[in-house]
Amino acid sequence: MIQLSVKEYLKNKWFNFFSIILLISMILSSVILISTMEKQTRIYRMLKPYMGDKGIYGATVDDECIESLQRVDKVFAGSVTYCSLNDNEVAEMLVYDKRVERYFKPVLSEGGWLRENPQSEDMISAVISNNNLGIKTGDVITVRVTSQNGEEEQRQIYISGVFSDGQKIYNTEVYLHSDFKFSEMFDTYSYEQLDGIVLITNMKEYDKWKDSVVTRLYKPIIRFEDGITEEEMSYNVEVLDDYHSEISGLKGNIGEINDLGAISKRSRREMRSLYVSYIPLVMVAFILVCLGIIGINTVKTALNTKYFAKLYLCGMNWYHNMIFVTFEMIINCIAAFFLSVVIIYILRLFGIFGRVYAEIHARQAGFIILMCVAIIIVSLLMVCKVMHENSPVDILKDE
């Protein structure tokens, strides 16, 4: 039966060719849609563990201040260090932890992501934005930073790559307002528009400096335990207000605008709207391709009924013909999947996609597998229907 299935598959090469083309179209369109949806919702997926009904966003804090708060559950904070490149240019160095790096590792126009450089144990690796100073991949730059004792120190940074404009990076200029949502925490970077140089490194690299260089925790999310009392909340707000007054000399400013519950509610609503907006596109693409493949299978089965009838006279069970269809569709799905991966790799390698996102991760692979299984099942049902309505004896009589 396997040998016969292989012969049938090779015999129907044009049918299988067009089936694979349709499957590739389905896979590519699905991958692009899901990848784009993931890109647009990655902020919410990254911050989901930190969203809650009880908490505060945007307070001025340091590690010691956070430790003095009561019933703290989780804390997310962007770390920023300011590096003087020369007398007139100060760059922001954004420090990404593992979670931020996973979701927002920058796309590079040249070089590699934080390649190790063995020149010095206290030299960290970082990527840099486009700049007017001629700093490029492979350069070692000397910067001035503020040490823990308040003095300026010189440190060296190895530039492992240059990240491209037009992508989301941590927004240190975020403005907190009454309709604030977490999507505003990351903003599209453009050197030409912002006229500011940005460095990005990760926590693993920055650990070389962490204990000796001043790092600013910028607008953190502080989520409290669900069972926190009103008295404990009031105490935490008072601590944060006092710290803000101590640092800035201004009156504390923690209020309704900083309420984590309200911000989380607005952010979840926006995330759901994004997901819902993509559902019709995914379903339309899936239905159109399914109809095409099912139609081809139906026509092919109707045209091959005479051949199937002859196999029946040779002793093969009439419904064993469905094995041919199953075999063909499984091979076609596997071939289409691997060809799609190759096409995506080539398009990404040569930058043909541009700003169109196409990546195959667990979510995309799972969706593709479900679609292929659905197509195989529906195709079998259609073939079964055609064969049920046409007996081999009637077909041969008609001939």
Protein backbone atom coordinates (compact mmCIF):
# COMPACT_ATOMS: atom_id res chain seq x y z
CA MET A 1 0.00 0.00 0.00
CA ILE A 2 2.87 2.40 0.79
CA GLN A 3 4.55 1.73 -2.55
CA LEU A 4 1.25 2.25 -4.34
CA SER A 5 0.70 5.49 -2.42
CA VAL A 6 4.14 6.74 -3.47
CA LYS A 7 3.42 5.84 -7.11
CA GLU A 8 0.11 7.69 -6.91
CA TYR A 9 1.80 10.72 -5.38
CA LEU A 10 4.39 10.88 -8.18
CA LYS A 11 1.72 10.26 -10.79
CA ASN A 12 -0.25 13.30 -9.61
CA LYS A 13 2.74 15.66 -9.48
CA TRP A 14 0.93 18.69 -10.89
CA PHE A 15 -1.94 18.36 -8.47
CA ASN A 16 0.52 18.08 -5.58
CA PHE A 17 2.57 20.99 -6.90
CA PHE A 18 -0.43 23.34 -6.85
CA SER A 19 -1.51 21.99 -3.46
CA ILE A 20 1.92 22.81 -2.04
CA ILE A 21 1.77 26.31 -3.54
CA LEU A 22 -1.60 26.91 -1.87
CA LEU A 23 -0.32 25.54 1.42
CA ILE A 24 2.76 27.78 1.26
CA SER A 25 0.47 30.76 0.67
CA MET A 26 -1.57 29.76 3.69
CA ILE A 27 1.49 29.28 5.89
CA LEU A 28 3.20 32.54 4.86
CA SER A 29 0.05 34.61 5.29
CA SER A 30 -0.61 33.02 8.68
CA VAL A 31 2.97 33.50 9.86
CA ILE A 32 2.97 37.17 8.83
CA LEU A 33 -0.38 37.85 10.49
CA ILE A 34 0.50 36.08 13.74
CA SER A 35 4.02 37.59 13.85
CA THR A 36 2.64 41.09 13.30
CA MET A 37 0.05 40.50 16.02
CA GLU A 38 2.78 39.28 18.38
CA LYS A 39 4.88 42.36 17.67
CA GLN A 40 2.02 44.70 18.39
CA THR A 41 1.02 42.93 21.61
CA ARG A 42 4.49 42.03 22.92
CA ILE A 43 4.47 44.90 25.45
CA TYR A 44 1.35 43.49 27.11
CA ARG A 45 2.59 39.91 26.99
CA MET A 46 5.88 41.00 28.55
CA LEU A 47 4.18 43.03 31.29
CA LYS A 48 1.29 40.64 31.94
CA PRO A 49 2.80 39.25 35.19
CA TYR A 50 3.17 42.82 36.51
CA MET A 51 -0.36 43.99 35.76
CA GLY A 52 -2.71 43.94 38.72
CA ASP A 53 -5.45 45.74 40.61
CA LYS A 54 -3.19 46.90 43.43
CA GLY A 55 -0.04 48.84 42.67
CA ILE A 56 1.63 52.04 41.54
CA TYR A 57 3.31 53.05 38.30
CA GLY A 58 5.74 55.87 37.63
CA ALA A 59 7.04 56.66 41.12
CA THR A 60 10.56 57.93 41.76
CA VAL A 61 12.35 55.08 43.55
CA ASP A 62 15.59 53.25 44.12
CA ASP A 63 16.24 49.72 45.38
CA GLU A 64 16.34 50.83 49.02
CA CYS A 65 13.01 52.65 48.71
CA ILE A 66 11.34 49.58 47.17
CA GLU A 67 12.64 47.38 49.98
CA SER A 68 10.95 49.65 52.55
CA LEU A 69 7.50 49.18 50.96
CA GLN A 70 4.99 46.72 52.39
CA ARG A 71 3.42 43.70 50.64
CA VAL A 72 5.33 44.12 47.35
CA ASP A 73 4.59 41.27 44.92
CA LYS A 74 6.51 42.13 41.72
CA VAL A 75 8.56 45.06 40.42
CA PHE A 76 9.39 45.93 36.82
CA ALA A 77 11.74 48.84 36.22
CA GLY A 78 13.68 50.07 33.24
CA SER A 79 17.30 50.77 34.13
CA VAL A 80 19.03 53.79 32.60
CA THR A 81 22.60 55.04 32.92
CA TYR A 82 23.83 58.29 31.42
CA CYS A 83 27.20 58.20 29.64
CA SER A 84 29.07 61.33 28.55
CA LEU A 85 30.65 60.66 25.17
CA ASN A 86 32.27 64.10 25.00
CA ASP A 87 31.69 67.59 26.39
CA ASN A 88 28.56 68.07 24.27
CA GLU A 89 27.07 64.62 23.85
CA VAL A 90 25.42 62.49 26.53
CA ALA A 91 24.05 59.08 25.60
CA GLU A 92 21.41 57.06 27.41
CA MET A 93 22.40 53.49 28.12
CA LEU A 94 19.32 51.27 28.42
CA VAL A 95 19.85 48.11 30.45
CA TYR A 96 17.53 45.26 29.47
CA ASP A 97 16.89 42.35 31.83
CA LYS A 98 16.25 38.85 30.42
CA ARG A 99 12.53 39.43 29.97
CA VAL A 100 12.90 42.73 28.11
CA GLU A 101 15.73 41.28 26.03
CA ARG A 102 13.50 38.38 25.03
CA TYR A 103 10.74 40.64 23.73
CA PHE A 104 12.66 43.75 22.62
CA LYS A 105 16.12 42.65 21.54
CA PRO A 106 16.90 45.26 18.88
CA VAL A 107 17.25 44.47 15.19
CA LEU A 108 20.78 45.34 14.06
CA SER A 109 21.81 46.99 10.82
CA GLU A 110 25.37 45.75 11.38
CA GLY A 111 27.38 43.72 13.86
CA GLY A 112 26.02 41.27 16.44
CA TRP A 113 24.10 41.38 19.70
CA LEU A 114 26.50 41.92 22.63
CA ARG A 115 29.43 39.90 21.37
CA GLU A 116 32.00 39.25 24.04
CA ASN A 117 35.21 41.25 23.94
CA PRO A 118 38.12 39.92 25.99
CA GLN A 119 40.13 43.15 26.12
CA SER A 120 39.15 44.04 29.69
CA GLU A 121 37.13 42.46 32.51
CA ASP A 122 35.29 45.70 33.33
CA MET A 123 34.60 46.63 29.70
CA ILE A 124 30.98 46.00 28.79
CA SER A 125 29.53 45.20 25.39
CA ALA A 126 26.68 47.27 23.96
CA VAL A 127 24.96 48.15 20.71
CA ILE A 128 24.58 51.78 19.64
CA SER A 129 22.12 53.76 17.57
CA ASN A 130 22.99 55.64 14.43
CA ASN A 131 25.09 58.63 15.42
CA ASN A 132 26.99 61.64 14.13
CA LEU A 133 30.21 60.75 15.93
CA GLY A 134 31.26 58.02 13.54
CA ILE A 135 31.00 55.30 16.19
CA LYS A 136 30.60 51.92 14.49
CA THR A 137 30.81 48.19 15.07
CA GLY A 138 34.08 47.06 16.63
CA ASP A 139 34.94 50.43 18.20
CA VAL A 140 35.93 50.77 21.83
CA ILE A 141 34.68 54.06 23.25
CA THR A 142 35.60 55.77 26.51
CA VAL A 143 32.71 57.35 28.40
CA ARG A 144 32.32 59.27 31.65
CA VAL A 145 29.79 57.94 34.16
CA THR A 146 28.80 58.91 37.69
CA SER A 147 30.11 56.50 40.31
CA GLN A 148 28.31 55.50 43.50
CA ASN A 149 30.38 58.03 45.49
CA GLY A 150 29.23 60.86 43.19
CA GLU A 151 32.46 61.26 41.26
CA GLU A 152 32.94 60.98 37.51
CA GLU A 153 34.81 57.94 36.28
CA GLN A 154 35.97 56.82 32.86
CA ARG A 155 34.75 53.48 31.60
CA GLN A 156 35.10 51.66 28.31
CA ILE A 157 32.37 50.16 26.12
CA TYR A 158 32.88 47.73 23.26
CA ILE A 159 30.43 48.45 20.40
CA SER A 160 29.30 45.05 19.14
CA GLY A 161 26.73 46.38 16.67
CA VAL A 162 24.51 49.22 15.47
CA PHE A 163 20.74 48.90 15.85
CA SER A 164 18.51 50.23 13.10
CA ASP A 165 16.01 53.06 13.33
CA GLY A 166 12.27 52.44 13.31
CA GLN A 167 11.99 49.91 16.14
CA LYS A 168 10.63 50.01 19.67
CA ILE A 169 13.01 50.83 22.52
CA TYR A 170 12.42 51.79 26.13
CA ASN A 171 10.89 55.28 26.29
CA THR A 172 12.65 57.37 28.94
CA GLU A 173 10.59 60.45 28.02
CA VAL A 174 7.21 58.81 28.63
CA TYR A 175 4.53 61.24 29.82
CA LEU A 176 2.12 59.97 32.46
CA HIS A 177 -1.44 61.15 31.82
CA SER A 178 -5.00 60.17 32.74
CA ASP A 179 -5.40 57.84 29.73
CA PHE A 180 -1.94 56.29 29.96
CA LYS A 181 -1.48 52.70 28.73
CA PHE A 182 1.56 50.47 28.93
CA SER A 183 2.02 50.57 25.15
CA GLU A 184 3.53 54.04 25.68
CA MET A 185 6.43 52.63 27.73
CA PHE A 186 8.23 51.73 24.50
CA ASP A 187 8.49 54.12 21.59
CA THR A 188 9.73 53.99 18.00
CA TYR A 189 13.30 55.25 17.88
CA SER A 190 14.69 57.50 15.15
CA TYR A 191 18.02 59.26 15.53
CA GLU A 192 17.09 61.91 12.98
CA GLN A 193 13.93 62.85 14.90
CA LEU A 194 15.26 62.58 18.45
CA ASP A 195 18.82 63.69 17.74
CA GLY A 196 20.03 61.62 20.67
CA ILE A 197 22.41 58.69 20.90
CA VAL A 198 21.24 55.53 22.66
CA LEU A 199 23.23 52.54 23.87
CA ILE A 200 21.60 49.21 24.76
CA THR A 201 23.09 46.41 26.82
CA ASN A 202 21.73 43.60 28.98
CA MET A 203 21.89 42.90 32.70
CA LYS A 204 24.52 40.20 32.28
CA GLU A 205 26.95 42.71 30.76
CA TYR A 206 25.94 45.57 33.05
CA ASP A 207 26.65 43.50 36.17
CA LYS A 208 30.31 44.46 35.61
CA TRP A 209 29.37 48.07 36.50
CA LYS A 210 26.29 47.63 38.66
CA ASP A 211 27.94 47.99 42.08
CA SER A 212 30.05 51.00 41.16
CA VAL A 213 28.02 53.11 38.71
CA VAL A 214 24.83 55.06 39.41
CA THR A 215 21.83 53.43 37.71
CA ARG A 216 18.42 55.05 37.55
CA LEU A 217 15.25 52.99 37.85
CA TYR A 218 12.93 54.75 35.45
CA LYS A 219 9.14 54.80 36.08
CA PRO A 220 8.82 51.34 37.64
CA ILE A 221 5.73 49.16 37.90
CA ILE A 222 5.26 48.21 41.55
CA ARG A 223 2.62 45.53 41.97
CA PHE A 224 1.40 44.84 45.50
CA GLU A 225 -0.07 41.61 46.80
CA ASP A 226 -3.80 41.20 46.22
CA GLY A 227 -4.51 41.09 49.95
CA ILE A 228 -2.86 44.43 50.78
CA THR A 229 -4.94 46.59 53.12
CA GLU A 230 -5.87 50.24 52.72
CA GLU A 231 -3.58 51.12 55.64
CA GLU A 232 -0.63 49.39 53.97
CA MET A 233 -1.40 51.11 50.67
CA SER A 234 -1.51 54.49 52.40
CA TYR A 235 1.80 53.75 54.08
CA ASN A 236 3.41 52.84 50.73
CA VAL A 237 2.12 56.01 49.06
CA GLU A 238 3.51 58.07 51.94
CA VAL A 239 6.93 56.40 51.61
CA LEU A 240 7.01 57.07 47.87
CA ASP A 241 5.91 60.69 48.33
CA ASP A 242 8.60 61.27 50.97
CA TYR A 243 11.28 59.77 48.77
CA HIS A 244 10.18 61.90 45.80
CA SER A 245 10.31 65.03 47.98
CA GLU A 246 13.75 64.08 49.28
CA ILE A 247 15.20 63.58 45.81
CA SER A 248 13.53 66.43 43.92
CA GLY A 249 12.76 68.92 46.66
CA LEU A 250 9.16 68.97 45.39
CA LYS A 251 5.96 67.76 47.00
CA GLY A 252 5.15 64.10 46.47
CA ASN A 253 3.02 63.43 43.42
CA ILE A 254 1.56 59.91 43.83
CA GLY A 255 -2.15 60.03 42.95
CA GLU A 256 -4.90 58.47 40.87
CA ILE A 257 -2.84 58.92 37.73
CA ASN A 258 -0.34 56.38 39.14
CA ASP A 259 -2.96 53.72 39.96
CA LEU A 260 -1.74 50.42 38.51
CA GLY A 261 -5.24 48.93 38.49
CA ALA A 262 -6.64 51.63 36.19
CA ILE A 263 -3.61 51.51 33.86
CA SER A 264 -3.78 47.70 33.69
CA LYS A 265 -7.50 47.81 32.87
CA ARG A 266 -6.97 50.26 29.98
CA SER A 267 -3.99 48.26 28.72
CA ARG A 268 -5.88 44.95 28.74
CA ARG A 269 -8.73 46.59 26.85
CA GLU A 270 -6.31 47.82 24.20
CA MET A 271 -4.66 44.38 23.96
CA ARG A 272 -8.01 42.65 23.43
CA SER A 273 -8.89 45.16 20.71
CA LEU A 274 -5.65 44.39 18.90
CA TYR A 275 -6.27 40.65 19.03
CA VAL A 276 -9.86 41.00 17.87
CA SER A 277 -8.83 43.20 14.91
CA TYR A 278 -6.68 40.37 13.51
CA ILE A 279 -9.15 37.52 13.90
CA PRO A 280 -11.15 38.30 10.69
CA LEU A 281 -7.96 38.49 8.61
CA VAL A 282 -6.67 35.15 9.88
CA MET A 283 -10.03 33.45 9.39
CA VAL A 284 -10.56 34.81 5.86
CA ALA A 285 -7.08 33.71 4.77
CA PHE A 286 -7.60 30.26 6.29
CA ILE A 287 -11.07 29.75 4.77
CA LEU A 288 -9.99 30.84 1.27
CA VAL A 289 -7.02 28.48 1.19
CA CYS A 290 -9.06 25.62 2.67
CA LEU A 291 -11.74 26.07 0.02
CA GLY A 292 -9.09 26.00 -2.70
CA ILE A 293 -7.43 22.83 -1.42
CA ILE A 294 -10.73 21.07 -0.71
CA GLY A 295 -11.98 21.99 -4.18
CA ILE A 296 -8.86 20.55 -5.81
CA ASN A 297 -9.20 17.34 -3.79
CA THR A 298 -12.86 17.00 -4.74
CA VAL A 299 -12.19 17.52 -8.45
CA LYS A 300 -9.21 15.15 -8.38
CA THR A 301 -11.22 12.43 -6.63
CA ALA A 302 -14.11 12.80 -9.09
CA LEU A 303 -11.72 12.51 -12.04
CA ASN A 304 -9.94 9.48 -10.55
CA THR A 305 -13.01 7.45 -9.65
CA LYS A 306 -12.55 5.25 -12.77
CA TYR A 307 -9.00 4.43 -11.73
CA PHE A 308 -10.14 3.74 -8.16
CA ALA A 309 -12.88 1.45 -9.53
CA LYS A 310 -10.29 -0.61 -11.43
CA LEU A 311 -8.25 -0.94 -8.23
CA TYR A 312 -11.43 -2.18 -6.57
CA LEU A 313 -11.80 -4.92 -9.22
CA CYS A 314 -8.21 -5.90 -8.52
CA GLY A 315 -9.16 -6.59 -4.91
CA MET A 316 -8.51 -3.33 -3.07
CA ASN A 317 -11.12 -2.09 -0.62
CA TRP A 318 -13.09 0.83 -2.09
CA TYR A 319 -12.48 3.07 0.93
CA HIS A 320 -8.76 2.29 1.02
CA ASN A 321 -8.48 4.93 -1.71
CA MET A 322 -8.71 7.50 1.06
CA ILE A 323 -5.23 6.38 2.11
CA PHE A 324 -3.92 7.93 -1.12
CA VAL A 325 -5.50 11.26 -0.25
CA THR A 326 -4.20 11.15 3.34
CA PHE A 327 -0.69 10.28 2.18
CA GLU A 328 -0.67 13.06 -0.43
CA MET A 329 -1.92 15.74 1.96
CA ILE A 330 0.52 14.78 4.73
CA ILE A 331 3.49 14.89 2.32
CA ASN A 332 2.24 18.17 0.85
CA CYS A 333 1.84 19.76 4.29
CA ILE A 334 5.33 18.70 5.39
CA ALA A 335 6.89 19.91 2.12
CA ALA A 336 5.01 23.23 2.31
CA PHE A 337 6.11 23.81 5.90
CA PHE A 338 9.81 23.26 5.20
CA LEU A 339 9.70 25.29 1.98
CA SER A 340 7.98 28.12 3.87
CA VAL A 341 10.74 28.11 6.49
CA VAL A 342 13.35 28.32 3.72
CA ILE A 343 11.49 31.17 2.00
CA ILE A 344 11.17 33.13 5.27
CA TYR A 345 14.88 32.62 6.02
CA ILE A 346 15.90 33.84 2.56
CA LEU A 347 13.59 36.87 2.71
CA ARG A 348 14.89 37.81 6.18
CA LEU A 349 18.51 37.22 5.13
CA PHE A 350 18.23 39.70 2.27
CA GLY A 351 15.93 42.10 4.14
CA ILE A 352 13.16 41.71 1.56
CA PHE A 353 10.46 41.74 4.22
CA GLY A 354 11.38 45.26 5.35
CA ARG A 355 9.00 46.06 8.19
CA VAL A 356 6.83 43.02 7.58
CA TYR A 357 7.31 40.62 10.47
CA ALA A 358 7.64 36.90 9.76
CA GLU A 359 8.99 34.60 12.43
CA ILE A 360 8.14 30.99 13.22
CA HIS A 361 7.92 30.33 16.94
CA ALA A 362 5.80 27.92 18.99
CA ARG A 363 2.58 29.90 18.47
CA GLN A 364 2.98 30.05 14.68
CA ALA A 365 4.03 26.40 14.42
CA GLY A 366 1.06 25.29 16.53
CA PHE A 367 -1.38 27.29 14.41
CA ILE A 368 0.11 25.85 11.19
CA ILE A 369 -0.17 22.27 12.51
CA LEU A 370 -3.81 22.83 13.50
CA MET A 371 -4.62 24.21 10.05
CA CYS A 372 -2.92 21.30 8.28
CA VAL A 373 -4.76 18.75 10.43
CA ALA A 374 -8.05 20.54 9.74
CA ILE A 375 -7.36 20.57 6.00
CA ILE A 376 -6.53 16.84 5.99
CA ILE A 377 -9.69 15.96 7.94
CA VAL A 378 -11.98 18.12 5.78
CA SER A 379 -10.36 16.80 2.59
CA LEU A 380 -10.96 13.22 3.74
CA LEU A 381 -14.59 14.01 4.51
CA MET A 382 -15.06 15.47 1.03
CA VAL A 383 -13.38 12.48 -0.60
CA CYS A 384 -15.47 10.09 1.50
CA LYS A 385 -18.62 11.88 0.39
CA VAL A 386 -17.71 11.60 -3.31
CA MET A 387 -16.85 7.91 -2.98
CA HIS A 388 -19.97 7.19 -0.97
CA GLU A 389 -22.18 8.69 -3.70
CA ASN A 390 -20.40 6.78 -6.50
CA SER A 391 -20.04 2.99 -6.22
CA PRO A 392 -17.29 1.31 -8.33
CA VAL A 393 -19.84 -0.84 -10.18
CA ASP A 394 -21.91 2.18 -11.25
CA ILE A 395 -18.77 4.00 -12.41
CA LEU A 396 -17.66 1.09 -14.58
CA LYS A 397 -21.17 0.69 -16.01
CA ASP A 398 -21.16 4.36 -17.01
CA GLU A 399 -17.91 3.80 -18.86
